[in-house]
Structure formats: structure tokens, C-alpha cells
Amino acid sequence: MLLTQAISTDPSNVRIALDMVQIFLDTNEVDQAQALFDKLPESAKKKDMGLSISTQLNFIRLAQNTSGISALRAQTLSTPNDYQARFDLAVCLFANHEIEEGMEMLFLIQTHQPNFKDGAAREMIGMICNMLAGNNPEESGAYRKRLANLMNE
């Protein structure tokens, strides 16, 4: 409610709008989040918080095209070498803000199948690191270091 009041008082305040988009995402109101995000100026979308939100929206859209977390967990248990299922599970986990578990899926793929989909796991690890960098630079740095070490083995 406070953000709604703040944005009605100062509708040009992009930071408040971004906070509202994040709240919509956190409460699983994806359509409202997307609608408000689409109204923001491109400059706001290209800053740290805007990039983070854009990445979250992308993961939510990608996750909607999978069989879902439960089915994918079952698939990875029954067929541990199904790297597509692991990749799709990582996408779903990221869409649900389960970053650590999603990263573990990607690192497992990167360890056992580094060329899976032309390095898709490595690319997604980098994307998540970029998303984390603004709010959690330590975690982002740790993942980057882990990836670099893995690639140098």
C-alpha cells in the first residue's frame, strides 16, 4: 500500500515502480509485473534492478514452457544423465528464486557436459551472476570463481 501511495504521489519515480514490479513478482502476479515493467523507460530497464527484473521475467516465461518442478525433479532422479531435464529444472528453480539449487544443477551440467547446447549452462551461470552482482556481489563473485576454476580444470 505504501508503494501504491508513493507512486501516485510521484508517478515518475522509476525506483518505486521497480519496487512494485518486484513485489508483483514476489507475489506471483506475473502479468501485473510485466505490464508495469513494460511501461518503464528503457534506461530503467538497463540498470541493475531493471536487468534483474528482466532476467526474472525471462525465467518465469521459460519455466512456463517446461513440465514443471515436480515432474523435472522426478525425471532427474529416474534419469540422472538427462541434462535437458536438469537444465529445465534449473530454469524453474530460478523462476522460483531458488538460486542456489538452480546453480548446482547448472554446475553439474557444466562439469559433466560442458558443451551441452553449445555451453548453455555456462552462459546461464554468467547470466545469473550478472543478475546477482548488483544486490549480492559476494555470491556472484563466488559463482564466477567456481566457474572459472571448473573451466580451467
N, C-alpha and C. Protein backbone atom coordinates (compact mmCIF):
# COMPACT_ATOMS: atom_id res chain seq x y z
N MET A 1 0.82 -1.19 0.00
CA MET A 1 0.00 0.00 0.00
C MET A 1 0.86 1.25 0.00
N LEU A 2 1.95 1.21 0.76
CA LEU A 2 2.83 2.38 0.81
C LEU A 2 3.43 2.68 -0.55
N LEU A 3 3.80 1.64 -1.29
CA LEU A 3 4.35 1.87 -2.62
C LEU A 3 3.30 2.43 -3.57
N THR A 4 2.08 1.96 -3.45
CA THR A 4 1.00 2.48 -4.28
C THR A 4 0.78 3.96 -4.00
N GLN A 5 0.80 4.33 -2.72
CA GLN A 5 0.66 5.74 -2.36
C GLN A 5 1.84 6.55 -2.89
N ALA A 6 3.04 5.99 -2.76
CA ALA A 6 4.24 6.71 -3.20
C ALA A 6 4.22 6.93 -4.71
N ILE A 7 3.81 5.92 -5.46
CA ILE A 7 3.81 6.06 -6.91
C ILE A 7 2.70 7.01 -7.37
N SER A 8 1.60 7.06 -6.63
CA SER A 8 0.55 8.01 -7.02
C SER A 8 0.97 9.44 -6.70
N THR A 9 1.82 9.60 -5.69
CA THR A 9 2.35 10.92 -5.35
C THR A 9 3.41 11.35 -6.35
N ASP A 10 4.24 10.40 -6.78
CA ASP A 10 5.33 10.70 -7.70
C ASP A 10 5.39 9.63 -8.79
N PRO A 11 4.49 9.71 -9.79
CA PRO A 11 4.41 8.66 -10.81
C PRO A 11 5.67 8.53 -11.67
N SER A 12 6.53 9.52 -11.67
CA SER A 12 7.74 9.44 -12.49
C SER A 12 8.89 8.77 -11.74
N ASN A 13 8.68 8.38 -10.49
CA ASN A 13 9.73 7.76 -9.69
C ASN A 13 9.91 6.30 -10.13
N VAL A 14 10.92 6.07 -10.92
CA VAL A 14 11.17 4.76 -11.50
C VAL A 14 11.54 3.74 -10.43
N ARG A 15 12.24 4.15 -9.40
CA ARG A 15 12.64 3.23 -8.34
C ARG A 15 11.42 2.63 -7.64
N ILE A 16 10.42 3.45 -7.40
CA ILE A 16 9.19 2.95 -6.77
C ILE A 16 8.50 1.96 -7.71
N ALA A 17 8.46 2.29 -8.98
CA ALA A 17 7.83 1.39 -9.95
C ALA A 17 8.58 0.06 -10.01
N LEU A 18 9.90 0.10 -9.98
CA LEU A 18 10.67 -1.14 -9.99
C LEU A 18 10.41 -1.96 -8.73
N ASP A 19 10.30 -1.28 -7.59
CA ASP A 19 9.97 -1.98 -6.34
C ASP A 19 8.60 -2.65 -6.46
N MET A 20 7.65 -1.95 -7.08
CA MET A 20 6.32 -2.53 -7.24
C MET A 20 6.37 -3.75 -8.17
N VAL A 21 7.15 -3.66 -9.24
CA VAL A 21 7.29 -4.80 -10.14
C VAL A 21 7.85 -6.00 -9.37
N GLN A 22 8.87 -5.74 -8.55
CA GLN A 22 9.47 -6.83 -7.78
C GLN A 22 8.46 -7.44 -6.81
N ILE A 23 7.65 -6.61 -6.20
CA ILE A 23 6.61 -7.13 -5.28
C ILE A 23 5.61 -7.97 -6.05
N PHE A 24 5.21 -7.51 -7.23
CA PHE A 24 4.31 -8.31 -8.07
C PHE A 24 4.93 -9.67 -8.38
N LEU A 25 6.21 -9.68 -8.70
CA LEU A 25 6.89 -10.94 -8.98
C LEU A 25 6.94 -11.83 -7.73
N ASP A 26 7.24 -11.22 -6.61
CA ASP A 26 7.35 -11.98 -5.36
C ASP A 26 6.01 -12.57 -4.93
N THR A 27 4.91 -11.94 -5.36
CA THR A 27 3.58 -12.44 -5.00
C THR A 27 2.94 -13.21 -6.17
N ASN A 28 3.77 -13.53 -7.15
CA ASN A 28 3.36 -14.33 -8.31
C ASN A 28 2.26 -13.67 -9.14
N GLU A 29 2.29 -12.37 -9.20
CA GLU A 29 1.37 -11.62 -10.06
C GLU A 29 2.16 -11.19 -11.30
N VAL A 30 2.49 -12.18 -12.10
CA VAL A 30 3.42 -12.00 -13.21
C VAL A 30 2.86 -11.06 -14.28
N ASP A 31 1.59 -11.19 -14.60
CA ASP A 31 1.01 -10.32 -15.63
C ASP A 31 1.07 -8.86 -15.22
N GLN A 32 0.77 -8.58 -13.95
CA GLN A 32 0.85 -7.19 -13.47
C GLN A 32 2.29 -6.70 -13.47
N ALA A 33 3.20 -7.58 -13.08
CA ALA A 33 4.62 -7.21 -13.08
C ALA A 33 5.07 -6.87 -14.50
N GLN A 34 4.73 -7.72 -15.44
CA GLN A 34 5.13 -7.50 -16.83
C GLN A 34 4.52 -6.22 -17.38
N ALA A 35 3.24 -5.98 -17.09
CA ALA A 35 2.56 -4.78 -17.60
C ALA A 35 3.23 -3.51 -17.08
N LEU A 36 3.53 -3.48 -15.80
CA LEU A 36 4.17 -2.29 -15.23
C LEU A 36 5.60 -2.16 -15.75
N PHE A 37 6.32 -3.27 -15.83
CA PHE A 37 7.70 -3.23 -16.31
C PHE A 37 7.75 -2.71 -17.75
N ASP A 38 6.79 -3.14 -18.57
CA ASP A 38 6.75 -2.70 -19.97
C ASP A 38 6.57 -1.19 -20.10
N LYS A 39 5.97 -0.55 -19.10
CA LYS A 39 5.73 0.89 -19.14
C LYS A 39 6.96 1.71 -18.74
N LEU A 40 7.95 1.06 -18.16
CA LEU A 40 9.13 1.78 -17.68
C LEU A 40 10.01 2.22 -18.84
N PRO A 41 10.74 3.31 -18.64
CA PRO A 41 11.66 3.75 -19.70
C PRO A 41 12.80 2.73 -19.88
N GLU A 42 13.31 2.64 -21.09
CA GLU A 42 14.40 1.70 -21.40
C GLU A 42 15.60 1.91 -20.49
N SER A 43 15.87 3.15 -20.12
CA SER A 43 17.03 3.43 -19.26
C SER A 43 16.89 2.73 -17.91
N ALA A 44 15.68 2.65 -17.38
CA ALA A 44 15.45 1.97 -16.09
C ALA A 44 15.61 0.47 -16.25
N LYS A 45 15.23 -0.05 -17.39
CA LYS A 45 15.32 -1.50 -17.63
C LYS A 45 16.76 -1.96 -17.78
N LYS A 46 17.66 -1.03 -18.10
CA LYS A 46 19.05 -1.38 -18.34
C LYS A 46 19.94 -1.20 -17.11
N LYS A 47 19.39 -0.66 -16.03
CA LYS A 47 20.14 -0.53 -14.78
C LYS A 47 20.03 -1.82 -13.99
N ASP A 48 20.82 -1.93 -12.91
CA ASP A 48 20.92 -3.18 -12.14
C ASP A 48 19.58 -3.80 -11.81
N MET A 49 18.69 -3.05 -11.16
CA MET A 49 17.42 -3.62 -10.74
C MET A 49 16.56 -3.97 -11.95
N GLY A 50 16.57 -3.14 -12.96
CA GLY A 50 15.81 -3.42 -14.17
C GLY A 50 16.29 -4.68 -14.86
N LEU A 51 17.61 -4.87 -14.93
CA LEU A 51 18.16 -6.08 -15.54
C LEU A 51 17.80 -7.31 -14.72
N SER A 52 17.83 -7.18 -13.41
CA SER A 52 17.47 -8.30 -12.54
C SER A 52 16.01 -8.70 -12.77
N ILE A 53 15.14 -7.72 -12.82
CA ILE A 53 13.71 -7.99 -13.04
C ILE A 53 13.49 -8.59 -14.42
N SER A 54 14.16 -8.04 -15.42
CA SER A 54 14.03 -8.57 -16.77
C SER A 54 14.45 -10.04 -16.81
N THR A 55 15.53 -10.37 -16.13
CA THR A 55 16.00 -11.76 -16.07
C THR A 55 14.98 -12.64 -15.37
N GLN A 56 14.41 -12.15 -14.27
CA GLN A 56 13.38 -12.93 -13.56
C GLN A 56 12.18 -13.19 -14.46
N LEU A 57 11.73 -12.16 -15.16
CA LEU A 57 10.59 -12.33 -16.07
C LEU A 57 10.90 -13.35 -17.16
N ASN A 58 12.13 -13.31 -17.68
CA ASN A 58 12.52 -14.28 -18.70
C ASN A 58 12.49 -15.71 -18.15
N PHE A 59 12.99 -15.89 -16.93
CA PHE A 59 12.98 -17.23 -16.34
C PHE A 59 11.55 -17.72 -16.11
N ILE A 60 10.68 -16.82 -15.69
CA ILE A 60 9.28 -17.21 -15.48
C ILE A 60 8.66 -17.66 -16.79
N ARG A 61 8.91 -16.92 -17.86
CA ARG A 61 8.37 -17.29 -19.17
C ARG A 61 8.96 -18.63 -19.64
N LEU A 62 10.26 -18.81 -19.47
CA LEU A 62 10.90 -20.06 -19.88
C LEU A 62 10.37 -21.24 -19.06
N ALA A 63 10.17 -21.02 -17.76
CA ALA A 63 9.69 -22.09 -16.87
C ALA A 63 8.29 -22.54 -17.28
N GLN A 64 7.50 -21.62 -17.80
CA GLN A 64 6.14 -21.97 -18.22
C GLN A 64 6.14 -22.95 -19.40
N ASN A 65 7.27 -23.05 -20.08
CA ASN A 65 7.38 -23.96 -21.23
C ASN A 65 8.02 -25.30 -20.86
N THR A 66 8.11 -25.59 -19.57
CA THR A 66 8.67 -26.87 -19.13
C THR A 66 7.54 -27.71 -18.51
N SER A 67 7.89 -28.90 -18.10
CA SER A 67 6.89 -29.77 -17.46
C SER A 67 6.72 -29.47 -15.98
N GLY A 68 7.48 -28.51 -15.44
CA GLY A 68 7.32 -28.10 -14.05
C GLY A 68 8.31 -28.76 -13.10
N ILE A 69 8.48 -28.14 -11.96
CA ILE A 69 9.49 -28.58 -10.99
C ILE A 69 9.29 -30.04 -10.57
N SER A 70 8.09 -30.40 -10.18
CA SER A 70 7.85 -31.77 -9.68
C SER A 70 8.20 -32.81 -10.72
N ALA A 71 7.71 -32.64 -11.92
CA ALA A 71 7.99 -33.60 -13.00
C ALA A 71 9.47 -33.64 -13.33
N LEU A 72 10.11 -32.47 -13.33
CA LEU A 72 11.53 -32.42 -13.68
C LEU A 72 12.40 -33.03 -12.57
N ARG A 73 12.00 -32.82 -11.31
CA ARG A 73 12.74 -33.47 -10.21
C ARG A 73 12.65 -34.99 -10.37
N ALA A 74 11.47 -35.48 -10.65
CA ALA A 74 11.29 -36.92 -10.84
C ALA A 74 12.12 -37.42 -12.02
N GLN A 75 12.13 -36.65 -13.08
CA GLN A 75 12.89 -37.01 -14.28
C GLN A 75 14.39 -37.08 -13.98
N THR A 76 14.91 -36.11 -13.24
CA THR A 76 16.35 -36.11 -12.94
C THR A 76 16.73 -37.23 -11.98
N LEU A 77 15.78 -37.64 -11.13
CA LEU A 77 16.04 -38.77 -10.24
C LEU A 77 16.04 -40.09 -11.00
N SER A 78 15.10 -40.24 -11.92
CA SER A 78 15.00 -41.50 -12.66
C SER A 78 16.04 -41.60 -13.78
N THR A 79 16.45 -40.46 -14.32
CA THR A 79 17.43 -40.43 -15.41
C THR A 79 18.47 -39.35 -15.10
N PRO A 80 19.45 -39.67 -14.26
CA PRO A 80 20.42 -38.66 -13.82
C PRO A 80 21.20 -37.99 -14.95
N ASN A 81 21.37 -38.67 -16.08
CA ASN A 81 22.12 -38.08 -17.18
C ASN A 81 21.25 -37.33 -18.18
N ASP A 82 20.02 -37.04 -17.81
CA ASP A 82 19.14 -36.25 -18.68
C ASP A 82 19.44 -34.77 -18.41
N TYR A 83 20.40 -34.27 -19.15
CA TYR A 83 20.87 -32.90 -18.91
C TYR A 83 19.84 -31.86 -19.34
N GLN A 84 19.00 -32.20 -20.30
CA GLN A 84 17.92 -31.28 -20.67
C GLN A 84 16.95 -31.10 -19.51
N ALA A 85 16.61 -32.19 -18.84
CA ALA A 85 15.72 -32.10 -17.67
C ALA A 85 16.39 -31.29 -16.56
N ARG A 86 17.68 -31.48 -16.37
CA ARG A 86 18.40 -30.71 -15.34
C ARG A 86 18.42 -29.22 -15.70
N PHE A 87 18.63 -28.94 -16.97
CA PHE A 87 18.65 -27.54 -17.42
C PHE A 87 17.28 -26.90 -17.22
N ASP A 88 16.23 -27.62 -17.62
CA ASP A 88 14.86 -27.11 -17.45
C ASP A 88 14.53 -26.93 -15.97
N LEU A 89 15.01 -27.86 -15.13
CA LEU A 89 14.79 -27.74 -13.69
C LEU A 89 15.47 -26.50 -13.15
N ALA A 90 16.68 -26.22 -13.62
CA ALA A 90 17.39 -25.01 -13.18
C ALA A 90 16.57 -23.77 -13.54
N VAL A 91 16.01 -23.74 -14.73
CA VAL A 91 15.18 -22.60 -15.16
C VAL A 91 14.01 -22.42 -14.20
N CYS A 92 13.33 -23.53 -13.88
CA CYS A 92 12.19 -23.46 -12.96
C CYS A 92 12.62 -23.00 -11.57
N LEU A 93 13.75 -23.49 -11.12
CA LEU A 93 14.24 -23.09 -9.80
C LEU A 93 14.55 -21.60 -9.78
N PHE A 94 15.17 -21.09 -10.83
CA PHE A 94 15.46 -19.65 -10.89
C PHE A 94 14.16 -18.84 -10.91
N ALA A 95 13.18 -19.33 -11.62
CA ALA A 95 11.89 -18.63 -11.67
C ALA A 95 11.26 -18.57 -10.28
N ASN A 96 11.58 -19.54 -9.42
CA ASN A 96 11.06 -19.58 -8.05
C ASN A 96 12.04 -19.00 -7.03
N HIS A 97 13.05 -18.31 -7.49
CA HIS A 97 14.07 -17.67 -6.63
C HIS A 97 14.89 -18.68 -5.84
N GLU A 98 14.98 -19.91 -6.32
CA GLU A 98 15.79 -20.93 -5.67
C GLU A 98 17.14 -20.98 -6.38
N ILE A 99 17.90 -19.90 -6.17
CA ILE A 99 19.13 -19.67 -6.93
C ILE A 99 20.18 -20.74 -6.66
N GLU A 100 20.41 -21.04 -5.39
CA GLU A 100 21.49 -21.96 -5.05
C GLU A 100 21.28 -23.34 -5.68
N GLU A 101 20.08 -23.88 -5.57
CA GLU A 101 19.80 -25.19 -6.14
C GLU A 101 19.86 -25.16 -7.67
N GLY A 102 19.38 -24.07 -8.25
CA GLY A 102 19.46 -23.93 -9.70
C GLY A 102 20.90 -23.87 -10.18
N MET A 103 21.73 -23.15 -9.45
CA MET A 103 23.15 -23.07 -9.82
C MET A 103 23.81 -24.44 -9.71
N GLU A 104 23.44 -25.20 -8.70
CA GLU A 104 24.02 -26.55 -8.56
C GLU A 104 23.67 -27.41 -9.78
N MET A 105 22.46 -27.28 -10.28
CA MET A 105 22.07 -28.02 -11.49
C MET A 105 22.96 -27.61 -12.67
N LEU A 106 23.16 -26.31 -12.81
CA LEU A 106 23.97 -25.83 -13.93
C LEU A 106 25.43 -26.25 -13.79
N PHE A 107 25.96 -26.19 -12.57
CA PHE A 107 27.34 -26.61 -12.38
C PHE A 107 27.50 -28.11 -12.63
N LEU A 108 26.50 -28.89 -12.31
CA LEU A 108 26.55 -30.32 -12.59
C LEU A 108 26.61 -30.54 -14.10
N ILE A 109 25.78 -29.82 -14.83
CA ILE A 109 25.80 -29.92 -16.29
C ILE A 109 27.16 -29.48 -16.82
N GLN A 110 27.65 -28.35 -16.34
CA GLN A 110 28.92 -27.82 -16.80
C GLN A 110 30.06 -28.80 -16.51
N THR A 111 29.99 -29.50 -15.39
CA THR A 111 31.02 -30.47 -15.03
C THR A 111 31.00 -31.68 -15.95
N HIS A 112 29.81 -32.21 -16.22
CA HIS A 112 29.70 -33.47 -16.96
C HIS A 112 29.47 -33.30 -18.45
N GLN A 113 28.86 -32.21 -18.85
CA GLN A 113 28.57 -31.97 -20.27
C GLN A 113 28.80 -30.49 -20.60
N PRO A 114 30.07 -30.04 -20.56
CA PRO A 114 30.34 -28.60 -20.75
C PRO A 114 29.86 -28.05 -22.09
N ASN A 115 29.70 -28.91 -23.09
CA ASN A 115 29.25 -28.44 -24.41
C ASN A 115 27.76 -28.62 -24.63
N PHE A 116 27.02 -28.95 -23.55
CA PHE A 116 25.57 -29.11 -23.66
C PHE A 116 24.97 -27.85 -24.26
N LYS A 117 24.27 -28.02 -25.35
CA LYS A 117 23.61 -26.90 -26.06
C LYS A 117 24.58 -25.73 -26.26
N ASP A 118 25.75 -26.05 -26.76
CA ASP A 118 26.77 -25.03 -27.06
C ASP A 118 27.13 -24.18 -25.84
N GLY A 119 27.23 -24.80 -24.68
CA GLY A 119 27.65 -24.08 -23.48
C GLY A 119 26.52 -23.34 -22.79
N ALA A 120 25.30 -23.83 -22.92
CA ALA A 120 24.14 -23.14 -22.34
C ALA A 120 24.23 -23.02 -20.82
N ALA A 121 24.77 -24.04 -20.15
CA ALA A 121 24.89 -23.97 -18.69
C ALA A 121 25.85 -22.86 -18.30
N ARG A 122 26.99 -22.81 -18.96
CA ARG A 122 27.99 -21.77 -18.69
C ARG A 122 27.39 -20.38 -18.93
N GLU A 123 26.66 -20.24 -20.02
CA GLU A 123 26.04 -18.95 -20.35
C GLU A 123 25.01 -18.55 -19.30
N MET A 124 24.21 -19.52 -18.85
CA MET A 124 23.19 -19.19 -17.86
C MET A 124 23.83 -18.88 -16.51
N ILE A 125 24.92 -19.56 -16.17
CA ILE A 125 25.63 -19.23 -14.93
C ILE A 125 26.07 -17.77 -14.98
N GLY A 126 26.60 -17.36 -16.12
CA GLY A 126 27.02 -15.96 -16.28
C GLY A 126 25.86 -15.00 -16.15
N MET A 127 24.72 -15.37 -16.71
CA MET A 127 23.52 -14.53 -16.62
C MET A 127 23.07 -14.37 -15.16
N ILE A 128 23.08 -15.47 -14.42
CA ILE A 128 22.68 -15.41 -13.02
C ILE A 128 23.69 -14.58 -12.23
N CYS A 129 24.96 -14.74 -12.53
CA CYS A 129 25.98 -13.93 -11.85
C CYS A 129 25.75 -12.44 -12.10
N ASN A 130 25.41 -12.09 -13.33
CA ASN A 130 25.11 -10.69 -13.64
C ASN A 130 23.89 -10.21 -12.87
N MET A 131 22.89 -11.08 -12.76
CA MET A 131 21.67 -10.71 -12.04
C MET A 131 21.98 -10.50 -10.55
N LEU A 132 22.84 -11.34 -9.99
CA LEU A 132 23.17 -11.24 -8.57
C LEU A 132 24.13 -10.10 -8.25
N ALA A 133 24.91 -9.68 -9.21
CA ALA A 133 26.01 -8.74 -8.97
C ALA A 133 25.58 -7.47 -8.25
N GLY A 134 24.44 -6.92 -8.61
CA GLY A 134 24.01 -5.65 -8.01
C GLY A 134 23.66 -5.77 -6.54
N ASN A 135 22.94 -6.82 -6.17
CA ASN A 135 22.47 -6.96 -4.79
C ASN A 135 23.31 -7.90 -3.95
N ASN A 136 24.04 -8.79 -4.58
CA ASN A 136 24.81 -9.77 -3.84
C ASN A 136 26.14 -10.04 -4.55
N PRO A 137 27.04 -9.05 -4.55
CA PRO A 137 28.29 -9.20 -5.30
C PRO A 137 29.18 -10.34 -4.79
N GLU A 138 29.10 -10.66 -3.49
CA GLU A 138 29.93 -11.74 -2.95
C GLU A 138 29.51 -13.08 -3.54
N GLU A 139 28.20 -13.33 -3.55
CA GLU A 139 27.70 -14.59 -4.10
C GLU A 139 28.00 -14.67 -5.59
N SER A 140 27.79 -13.58 -6.30
CA SER A 140 28.08 -13.53 -7.72
C SER A 140 29.56 -13.84 -7.97
N GLY A 141 30.42 -13.22 -7.20
CA GLY A 141 31.86 -13.45 -7.35
C GLY A 141 32.26 -14.88 -7.05
N ALA A 142 31.64 -15.47 -6.04
CA ALA A 142 31.94 -16.86 -5.69
C ALA A 142 31.55 -17.81 -6.83
N TYR A 143 30.38 -17.56 -7.43
CA TYR A 143 29.95 -18.40 -8.56
C TYR A 143 30.87 -18.20 -9.76
N ARG A 144 31.27 -16.97 -10.01
CA ARG A 144 32.18 -16.70 -11.14
C ARG A 144 33.52 -17.42 -10.93
N LYS A 145 34.02 -17.37 -9.72
CA LYS A 145 35.30 -18.03 -9.41
C LYS A 145 35.15 -19.54 -9.58
N ARG A 146 34.05 -20.08 -9.10
CA ARG A 146 33.81 -21.51 -9.23
C ARG A 146 33.76 -21.92 -10.70
N LEU A 147 33.09 -21.12 -11.51
CA LEU A 147 33.01 -21.41 -12.95
C LEU A 147 34.38 -21.33 -13.59
N ALA A 148 35.14 -20.31 -13.26
CA ALA A 148 36.48 -20.16 -13.82
C ALA A 148 37.36 -21.35 -13.44
N ASN A 149 37.30 -21.77 -12.20
CA ASN A 149 38.08 -22.92 -11.76
C ASN A 149 37.67 -24.18 -12.51
N LEU A 150 36.38 -24.35 -12.71
CA LEU A 150 35.87 -25.52 -13.41
C LEU A 150 36.33 -25.52 -14.87
N MET A 151 36.34 -24.37 -15.47
CA MET A 151 36.73 -24.28 -16.88
C MET A 151 38.24 -24.45 -17.07
N ASN A 152 39.02 -24.19 -16.01
CA ASN A 152 40.46 -24.31 -16.10
C ASN A 152 40.96 -25.71 -15.74
N GLU A 153 40.05 -26.60 -15.36
CA GLU A 153 40.47 -27.96 -14.99
C GLU A 153 40.86 -28.76 -16.20
